[in-house]
Amino acid sequence: MQANYGTNEIQSLLQKVKIFNKEIGAFEIYAITENFDYAVKLNNGKILLKVEDLQDDERDALTPERLKLISNVLFLQILRNKLLLRHNQ
């Protein structure tokens, strides 16, 4: 499997999921994992986007329900990051 997604595709997906959750921060940088998923650093945490989500977004195959699910997962990851930061202070 070849990973062909970059900043534009990641930001496009983030914009769509932000409709369901305004707490998702702004994109800063990304790295591709060994599973070809995308570790994305936001200004308020970090998230993992599955390559399948980016592929489906490219094909306009993401339903509102799936976008909401992605936004909920991202929000939980952001909350977890905030709690870890508070705990480590």
Protein backbone atom coordinates (compact mmCIF):
# COMPACT_ATOMS: atom_id res chain seq x y z
CA MET A 1 0.00 0.00 0.00
CA GLN A 2 1.35 3.40 -0.93
CA ALA A 3 0.60 6.46 1.16
CA ASN A 4 -0.15 9.38 -1.15
CA TYR A 5 -1.79 11.81 1.23
CA GLY A 6 -0.36 15.09 2.41
CA THR A 7 -1.21 18.29 4.19
CA ASN A 8 -4.10 19.25 1.89
CA GLU A 9 -5.90 15.92 2.28
CA ILE A 10 -5.39 15.85 6.05
CA GLN A 11 -6.65 19.42 6.44
CA SER A 12 -9.63 18.64 4.24
CA LEU A 13 -10.66 15.73 6.47
CA LEU A 14 -10.04 17.76 9.63
CA GLN A 15 -12.28 20.56 8.33
CA LYS A 16 -15.09 18.09 7.77
CA VAL A 17 -14.87 16.54 11.23
CA LYS A 18 -14.61 19.98 12.86
CA ILE A 19 -18.21 20.55 11.77
CA PHE A 20 -19.15 17.98 14.43
CA ASN A 21 -16.61 19.09 17.03
CA LYS A 22 -15.17 22.61 17.24
CA GLU A 23 -12.66 21.46 19.92
CA ILE A 24 -10.46 19.84 17.29
CA GLY A 25 -7.43 22.09 16.96
CA ALA A 26 -5.52 23.45 14.00
CA PHE A 27 -3.20 21.25 11.94
CA GLU A 28 0.53 21.69 12.52
CA ILE A 29 2.44 18.70 11.09
CA TYR A 30 2.07 14.99 10.37
CA ALA A 31 4.10 11.79 10.13
CA ILE A 32 3.25 8.48 8.51
CA THR A 33 3.30 5.46 10.83
CA GLU A 34 4.54 1.98 9.98
CA ASN A 35 0.87 1.02 9.39
CA PHE A 36 0.51 3.86 6.85
CA ASP A 37 -1.77 5.76 9.20
CA TYR A 38 -1.15 9.43 9.88
CA ALA A 39 0.00 10.76 13.24
CA VAL A 40 -1.12 14.39 13.19
CA LYS A 41 0.01 17.10 15.57
CA LEU A 42 -2.59 19.75 16.29
CA ASN A 43 -2.18 22.97 18.21
CA ASN A 44 -4.11 21.36 21.09
CA GLY A 45 -2.90 17.77 20.96
CA LYS A 46 -2.26 14.94 18.57
CA ILE A 47 -4.43 12.45 16.71
CA LEU A 48 -4.13 9.36 14.58
CA LEU A 49 -6.00 9.37 11.27
CA LYS A 50 -6.50 6.01 9.63
CA VAL A 51 -5.40 5.81 6.01
CA GLU A 52 -8.83 4.29 5.24
CA ASP A 53 -10.49 7.50 6.42
CA LEU A 54 -8.35 9.55 4.04
CA GLN A 55 -9.03 7.11 1.20
CA ASP A 56 -12.78 7.27 1.79
CA ASP A 57 -12.66 11.06 2.05
CA GLU A 58 -10.89 11.19 -1.31
CA ARG A 59 -13.75 9.14 -2.82
CA ASP A 60 -16.41 11.27 -1.07
CA ALA A 61 -17.51 8.08 0.69
CA LEU A 62 -17.60 9.41 4.26
CA THR A 63 -21.14 9.64 5.61
CA PRO A 64 -22.11 12.23 8.24
CA GLU A 65 -22.31 9.39 10.77
CA ARG A 66 -18.76 8.29 10.02
CA LEU A 67 -17.47 11.88 10.17
CA LYS A 68 -19.15 12.24 13.56
CA LEU A 69 -17.53 9.01 14.74
CA ILE A 70 -14.11 10.25 13.59
CA SER A 71 -14.69 13.59 15.34
CA ASN A 72 -15.65 11.79 18.57
CA VAL A 73 -12.51 9.64 18.46
CA LEU A 74 -10.38 12.72 17.80
CA PHE A 75 -12.05 14.59 20.63
CA LEU A 76 -11.39 11.72 23.05
CA GLN A 77 -7.73 11.70 22.00
CA ILE A 78 -7.52 15.46 22.58
CA LEU A 79 -9.12 15.10 26.03
CA ARG A 80 -6.68 12.33 26.89
CA ASN A 81 -3.76 14.52 25.82
CA LYS A 82 -5.05 17.41 27.97
CA LEU A 83 -5.40 15.14 30.99
CA LEU A 84 -1.89 13.77 30.50
CA LEU A 85 -0.50 17.31 30.29
CA ARG A 86 -2.24 18.30 33.53
CA HIS A 87 -1.04 15.14 35.26
CA ASN A 88 2.56 15.77 34.21
CA GLN A 89 2.62 19.37 35.44
